[in-house]
Amino acid sequence: MLGLPRTKAGQIVGWVYDPESPKGDNYIDFGLYADNLSYSDYVNGFDQAILLDFNVDGNIWELM
């Protein structure tokens, strides 16, 4: 939905929700408020871009 081209990595990298597993975060975070940063400058028109940091669990091919 972001209009980015498909990649091989994009087909196997993602998130797994397993509340019983200590591996992974068990939530999706796009990093908009990470490290005391916020997207308010973008929303208010002061910045033209947002750096999204997807906290993926990595290669989840075998877990699907």
PDB file of N, CA and C in Angstrom:
ATOM      1  N   MET A   1       0.810  -1.188   0.000  1.00  0.00           N
ATOM      2  CA  MET A   1       0.000   0.000   0.000  1.00  0.00           C
ATOM      3  C   MET A   1       0.862   1.264   0.000  1.00  0.00           C
ATOM      4  N   LEU A   2       2.153   1.106   0.251  1.00  0.00           N
ATOM      5  CA  LEU A   2       3.044   2.262   0.234  1.00  0.00           C
ATOM      6  C   LEU A   2       3.554   2.563  -1.172  1.00  0.00           C
ATOM      7  N   GLY A   3       3.262   1.684  -2.125  1.00  0.00           N
ATOM      8  CA  GLY A   3       3.706   1.899  -3.491  1.00  0.00           C
ATOM      9  C   GLY A   3       5.143   1.480  -3.733  1.00  0.00           C
ATOM     10  N   LEU A   4       5.708   0.698  -2.835  1.00  0.00           N
ATOM     11  CA  LEU A   4       7.077   0.236  -2.997  1.00  0.00           C
ATOM     12  C   LEU A   4       7.092  -1.031  -3.848  1.00  0.00           C
ATOM     13  N   PRO A   5       8.157  -1.248  -4.611  1.00  0.00           N
ATOM     14  CA  PRO A   5       8.225  -2.472  -5.419  1.00  0.00           C
ATOM     15  C   PRO A   5       8.371  -3.700  -4.529  1.00  0.00           C
ATOM     16  N   ARG A   6       7.861  -4.828  -5.007  1.00  0.00           N
ATOM     17  CA  ARG A   6       8.004  -6.087  -4.277  1.00  0.00           C
ATOM     18  C   ARG A   6       9.441  -6.581  -4.390  1.00  0.00           C
ATOM     19  N   THR A   7       9.913  -7.180  -3.309  1.00  0.00           N
ATOM     20  CA  THR A   7      11.250  -7.762  -3.289  1.00  0.00           C
ATOM     21  C   THR A   7      11.168  -9.176  -2.731  1.00  0.00           C
ATOM     22  N   LYS A   8      12.196  -9.968  -2.978  1.00  0.00           N
ATOM     23  CA  LYS A   8      12.237 -11.314  -2.415  1.00  0.00           C
ATOM     24  C   LYS A   8      12.224 -11.255  -0.893  1.00  0.00           C
ATOM     25  N   ALA A   9      13.008 -10.360  -0.319  1.00  0.00           N
ATOM     26  CA  ALA A   9      13.055 -10.240   1.144  1.00  0.00           C
ATOM     27  C   ALA A   9      11.698  -9.834   1.699  1.00  0.00           C
ATOM     28  N   GLY A  10      11.000  -8.990   0.980  1.00  0.00           N
ATOM     29  CA  GLY A  10       9.687  -8.541   1.436  1.00  0.00           C
ATOM     30  C   GLY A  10       8.653  -9.653   1.488  1.00  0.00           C
ATOM     31  N   GLN A  11       8.913 -10.739   0.797  1.00  0.00           N
ATOM     32  CA  GLN A  11       7.975 -11.854   0.784  1.00  0.00           C
ATOM     33  C   GLN A  11       8.192 -12.809   1.953  1.00  0.00           C
ATOM     34  N   ILE A  12       9.354 -12.734   2.615  1.00  0.00           N
ATOM     35  CA  ILE A  12       9.636 -13.687   3.700  1.00  0.00           C
ATOM     36  C   ILE A  12       9.930 -13.020   5.040  1.00  0.00           C
ATOM     37  N   VAL A  13      10.112 -11.712   5.057  1.00  0.00           N
ATOM     38  CA  VAL A  13      10.416 -10.994   6.288  1.00  0.00           C
ATOM     39  C   VAL A  13       9.126 -10.442   6.865  1.00  0.00           C
ATOM     40  N   GLY A  14       8.949 -10.606   8.166  1.00  0.00           N
ATOM     41  CA  GLY A  14       7.724 -10.088   8.767  1.00  0.00           C
ATOM     42  C   GLY A  14       7.674 -10.306  10.262  1.00  0.00           C
ATOM     43  N   TRP A  15       6.463 -10.399  10.783  1.00  0.00           N
ATOM     44  CA  TRP A  15       6.226 -10.525  12.211  1.00  0.00           C
ATOM     45  C   TRP A  15       5.504 -11.829  12.507  1.00  0.00           C
ATOM     46  N   VAL A  16       5.742 -12.371  13.687  1.00  0.00           N
ATOM     47  CA  VAL A  16       5.042 -13.556  14.173  1.00  0.00           C
ATOM     48  C   VAL A  16       4.490 -13.213  15.552  1.00  0.00           C
ATOM     49  N   TYR A  17       3.198 -13.449  15.750  1.00  0.00           N
ATOM     50  CA  TYR A  17       2.609 -13.235  17.065  1.00  0.00           C
ATOM     51  C   TYR A  17       2.487 -14.567  17.775  1.00  0.00           C
ATOM     52  N   ASP A  18       3.239 -14.713  18.839  1.00  0.00           N
ATOM     53  CA  ASP A  18       3.180 -15.917  19.667  1.00  0.00           C
ATOM     54  C   ASP A  18       3.439 -15.493  21.107  1.00  0.00           C
ATOM     55  N   PRO A  19       2.382 -15.266  21.880  1.00  0.00           N
ATOM     56  CA  PRO A  19       2.565 -14.782  23.257  1.00  0.00           C
ATOM     57  C   PRO A  19       3.317 -15.755  24.151  1.00  0.00           C
ATOM     58  N   GLU A  20       3.448 -17.006  23.730  1.00  0.00           N
ATOM     59  CA  GLU A  20       4.168 -18.011  24.514  1.00  0.00           C
ATOM     60  C   GLU A  20       5.663 -18.034  24.201  1.00  0.00           C
ATOM     61  N   SER A  21       6.083 -17.324  23.172  1.00  0.00           N
ATOM     62  CA  SER A  21       7.478 -17.360  22.742  1.00  0.00           C
ATOM     63  C   SER A  21       8.207 -16.096  23.202  1.00  0.00           C
ATOM     64  N   PRO A  22       9.391 -16.262  23.812  1.00  0.00           N
ATOM     65  CA  PRO A  22      10.166 -15.086  24.201  1.00  0.00           C
ATOM     66  C   PRO A  22      10.872 -14.426  23.013  1.00  0.00           C
ATOM     67  N   LYS A  23      10.893 -15.124  21.857  1.00  0.00           N
ATOM     68  CA  LYS A  23      11.535 -14.558  20.670  1.00  0.00           C
ATOM     69  C   LYS A  23      10.586 -13.556  20.017  1.00  0.00           C
ATOM     70  N   GLY A  24      11.113 -12.418  19.665  1.00  0.00           N
ATOM     71  CA  GLY A  24      10.303 -11.403  19.001  1.00  0.00           C
ATOM     72  C   GLY A  24       9.596 -10.496  20.004  1.00  0.00           C
ATOM     73  N   ASP A  25       9.021  -9.432  19.486  1.00  0.00           N
ATOM     74  CA  ASP A  25       8.364  -8.429  20.323  1.00  0.00           C
ATOM     75  C   ASP A  25       6.882  -8.719  20.543  1.00  0.00           C
ATOM     76  N   ASN A  26       6.290  -9.485  19.625  1.00  0.00           N
ATOM     77  CA  ASN A  26       4.851  -9.773  19.644  1.00  0.00           C
ATOM     78  C   ASN A  26       4.003  -8.517  19.474  1.00  0.00           C
ATOM     79  N   TYR A  27       4.567  -7.526  18.816  1.00  0.00           N
ATOM     80  CA  TYR A  27       3.798  -6.354  18.413  1.00  0.00           C
ATOM     81  C   TYR A  27       4.492  -5.721  17.210  1.00  0.00           C
ATOM     82  N   ILE A  28       3.744  -4.924  16.480  1.00  0.00           N
ATOM     83  CA  ILE A  28       4.288  -4.217  15.326  1.00  0.00           C
ATOM     84  C   ILE A  28       4.510  -2.767  15.718  1.00  0.00           C
ATOM     85  N   ASP A  29       5.693  -2.268  15.442  1.00  0.00           N
ATOM     86  CA  ASP A  29       6.041  -0.899  15.779  1.00  0.00           C
ATOM     87  C   ASP A  29       6.742  -0.290  14.576  1.00  0.00           C
ATOM     88  N   PHE A  30       6.221   0.797  14.065  1.00  0.00           N
ATOM     89  CA  PHE A  30       6.830   1.436  12.906  1.00  0.00           C
ATOM     90  C   PHE A  30       7.914   2.438  13.297  1.00  0.00           C
ATOM     91  N   GLY A  31       8.188   2.580  14.584  1.00  0.00           N
ATOM     92  CA  GLY A  31       9.281   3.432  15.029  1.00  0.00           C
ATOM     93  C   GLY A  31       8.999   4.920  14.951  1.00  0.00           C
ATOM     94  N   LEU A  32       7.748   5.323  14.902  1.00  0.00           N
ATOM     95  CA  LEU A  32       7.442   6.749  14.774  1.00  0.00           C
ATOM     96  C   LEU A  32       7.812   7.545  16.019  1.00  0.00           C
ATOM     97  N   TYR A  33       7.827   6.891  17.160  1.00  0.00           N
ATOM     98  CA  TYR A  33       8.169   7.587  18.403  1.00  0.00           C
ATOM     99  C   TYR A  33       9.434   7.037  19.043  1.00  0.00           C
ATOM    100  N   ALA A  34      10.247   6.332  18.272  1.00  0.00           N
ATOM    101  CA  ALA A  34      11.469   5.726  18.798  1.00  0.00           C
ATOM    102  C   ALA A  34      12.532   6.787  19.061  1.00  0.00           C
ATOM    103  N   ASP A  35      13.360   6.532  20.069  1.00  0.00           N
ATOM    104  CA  ASP A  35      14.505   7.399  20.382  1.00  0.00           C
ATOM    105  C   ASP A  35      14.112   8.868  20.528  1.00  0.00           C
ATOM    106  N   ASN A  36      13.005   9.110  21.194  1.00  0.00           N
ATOM    107  CA  ASN A  36      12.523  10.473  21.439  1.00  0.00           C
ATOM    108  C   ASN A  36      12.195  11.235  20.156  1.00  0.00           C
ATOM    109  N   LEU A  37      11.973  10.515  19.071  1.00  0.00           N
ATOM    110  CA  LEU A  37      11.580  11.149  17.824  1.00  0.00           C
ATOM    111  C   LEU A  37      10.071  11.020  17.669  1.00  0.00           C
ATOM    112  N   SER A  38       9.483  11.914  16.933  1.00  0.00           N
ATOM    113  CA  SER A  38       8.059  11.775  16.647  1.00  0.00           C
ATOM    114  C   SER A  38       7.814  12.227  15.226  1.00  0.00           C
ATOM    115  N   TYR A  39       6.657  11.923  14.710  1.00  0.00           N
ATOM    116  CA  TYR A  39       6.330  12.330  13.358  1.00  0.00           C
ATOM    117  C   TYR A  39       5.619  13.678  13.343  1.00  0.00           C
ATOM    118  N   SER A  40       5.616  14.410  14.455  1.00  0.00           N
ATOM    119  CA  SER A  40       4.907  15.688  14.520  1.00  0.00           C
ATOM    120  C   SER A  40       5.466  16.701  13.529  1.00  0.00           C
ATOM    121  N   ASP A  41       6.774  16.707  13.275  1.00  0.00           N
ATOM    122  CA  ASP A  41       7.338  17.633  12.289  1.00  0.00           C
ATOM    123  C   ASP A  41       6.783  17.344  10.902  1.00  0.00           C
ATOM    124  N   TYR A  42       6.587  16.063  10.581  1.00  0.00           N
ATOM    125  CA  TYR A  42       6.007  15.686   9.295  1.00  0.00           C
ATOM    126  C   TYR A  42       4.549  16.122   9.224  1.00  0.00           C
ATOM    127  N   VAL A  43       3.803  15.808  10.262  1.00  0.00           N
ATOM    128  CA  VAL A  43       2.375  16.152  10.295  1.00  0.00           C
ATOM    129  C   VAL A  43       2.175  17.660  10.208  1.00  0.00           C
ATOM    130  N   ASN A  44       3.057  18.420  10.847  1.00  0.00           N
ATOM    131  CA  ASN A  44       2.934  19.878  10.859  1.00  0.00           C
ATOM    132  C   ASN A  44       3.574  20.545   9.649  1.00  0.00           C
ATOM    133  N   GLY A  45       4.105  19.733   8.721  1.00  0.00           N
ATOM    134  CA  GLY A  45       4.640  20.280   7.479  1.00  0.00           C
ATOM    135  C   GLY A  45       6.059  20.799   7.563  1.00  0.00           C
ATOM    136  N   PHE A  46       6.764  20.546   8.660  1.00  0.00           N
ATOM    137  CA  PHE A  46       8.145  21.013   8.803  1.00  0.00           C
ATOM    138  C   PHE A  46       9.148  20.050   8.194  1.00  0.00           C
ATOM    139  N   ASP A  47       8.754  18.806   8.004  1.00  0.00           N
ATOM    140  CA  ASP A  47       9.643  17.793   7.441  1.00  0.00           C
ATOM    141  C   ASP A  47       8.887  17.081   6.327  1.00  0.00           C
ATOM    142  N   GLN A  48       9.583  16.729   5.239  1.00  0.00           N
ATOM    143  CA  GLN A  48       8.923  16.128   4.089  1.00  0.00           C
ATOM    144  C   GLN A  48       8.962  14.606   4.088  1.00  0.00           C
ATOM    145  N   ALA A  49       9.605  14.000   5.075  1.00  0.00           N
ATOM    146  CA  ALA A  49       9.746  12.546   5.055  1.00  0.00           C
ATOM    147  C   ALA A  49       9.711  11.977   6.467  1.00  0.00           C
ATOM    148  N   ILE A  50       9.361  10.699   6.534  1.00  0.00           N
ATOM    149  CA  ILE A  50       9.409   9.945   7.776  1.00  0.00           C
ATOM    150  C   ILE A  50      10.274   8.714   7.518  1.00  0.00           C
ATOM    151  N   LEU A  51      11.192   8.422   8.420  1.00  0.00           N
ATOM    152  CA  LEU A  51      11.984   7.206   8.336  1.00  0.00           C
ATOM    153  C   LEU A  51      11.263   6.138   9.147  1.00  0.00           C
ATOM    154  N   LEU A  52      10.733   5.132   8.460  1.00  0.00           N
ATOM    155  CA  LEU A  52      10.039   4.046   9.140  1.00  0.00           C
ATOM    156  C   LEU A  52      11.029   2.944   9.472  1.00  0.00           C
ATOM    157  N   ASP A  53      11.013   2.509  10.709  1.00  0.00           N
ATOM    158  CA  ASP A  53      11.878   1.428  11.157  1.00  0.00           C
ATOM    159  C   ASP A  53      10.975   0.288  11.601  1.00  0.00           C
ATOM    160  N   PHE A  54      10.706  -0.657  10.701  1.00  0.00           N
ATOM    161  CA  PHE A  54       9.819  -1.778  10.993  1.00  0.00           C
ATOM    162  C   PHE A  54      10.570  -2.772  11.873  1.00  0.00           C
ATOM    163  N   ASN A  55      10.039  -3.053  13.039  1.00  0.00           N
ATOM    164  CA  ASN A  55      10.711  -3.976  13.961  1.00  0.00           C
ATOM    165  C   ASN A  55      10.349  -5.423  13.639  1.00  0.00           C
ATOM    166  N   VAL A  56      10.717  -5.855  12.440  1.00  0.00           N
ATOM    167  CA  VAL A  56      10.365  -7.207  11.999  1.00  0.00           C
ATOM    168  C   VAL A  56      11.108  -8.255  12.810  1.00  0.00           C
ATOM    169  N   ASP A  57      10.525  -9.453  12.875  1.00  0.00           N
ATOM    170  CA  ASP A  57      11.162 -10.584  13.542  1.00  0.00           C
ATOM    171  C   ASP A  57      12.192 -11.257  12.650  1.00  0.00           C
ATOM    172  N   GLY A  58      12.255 -10.865  11.391  1.00  0.00           N
ATOM    173  CA  GLY A  58      13.214 -11.449  10.459  1.00  0.00           C
ATOM    174  C   GLY A  58      12.538 -12.417   9.494  1.00  0.00           C
ATOM    175  N   ASN A  59      13.294 -13.402   9.043  1.00  0.00           N
ATOM    176  CA  ASN A  59      12.791 -14.387   8.097  1.00  0.00           C
ATOM    177  C   ASN A  59      11.784 -15.292   8.812  1.00  0.00           C
ATOM    178  N   ILE A  60      10.531 -15.245   8.371  1.00  0.00           N
ATOM    179  CA  ILE A  60       9.476 -16.035   9.021  1.00  0.00           C
ATOM    180  C   ILE A  60       8.970 -17.138   8.101  1.00  0.00           C
ATOM    181  N   TRP A  61       9.707 -17.433   7.039  1.00  0.00           N
ATOM    182  CA  TRP A  61       9.256 -18.421   6.044  1.00  0.00           C
ATOM    183  C   TRP A  61       8.909 -19.758   6.691  1.00  0.00           C
ATOM    184  N   GLU A  62       9.786 -20.255   7.547  1.00  0.00           N
ATOM    185  CA  GLU A  62       9.562 -21.558   8.180  1.00  0.00           C
ATOM    186  C   GLU A  62       8.453 -21.508   9.242  1.00  0.00           C
ATOM    187  N   LEU A  63       8.054 -20.342   9.652  1.00  0.00           N
ATOM    188  CA  LEU A  63       7.038 -20.209  10.696  1.00  0.00           C
ATOM    189  C   LEU A  63       5.629 -20.040  10.147  1.00  0.00           C
ATOM    190  N   MET A  64       5.509 -19.958   8.820  1.00  0.00           N
ATOM    191  CA  MET A  64       4.181 -19.759   8.215  1.00  0.00           C
ATOM    192  C   MET A  64       3.480 -21.096   8.048  1.00  0.00           C
TER     193      MET A  64
END
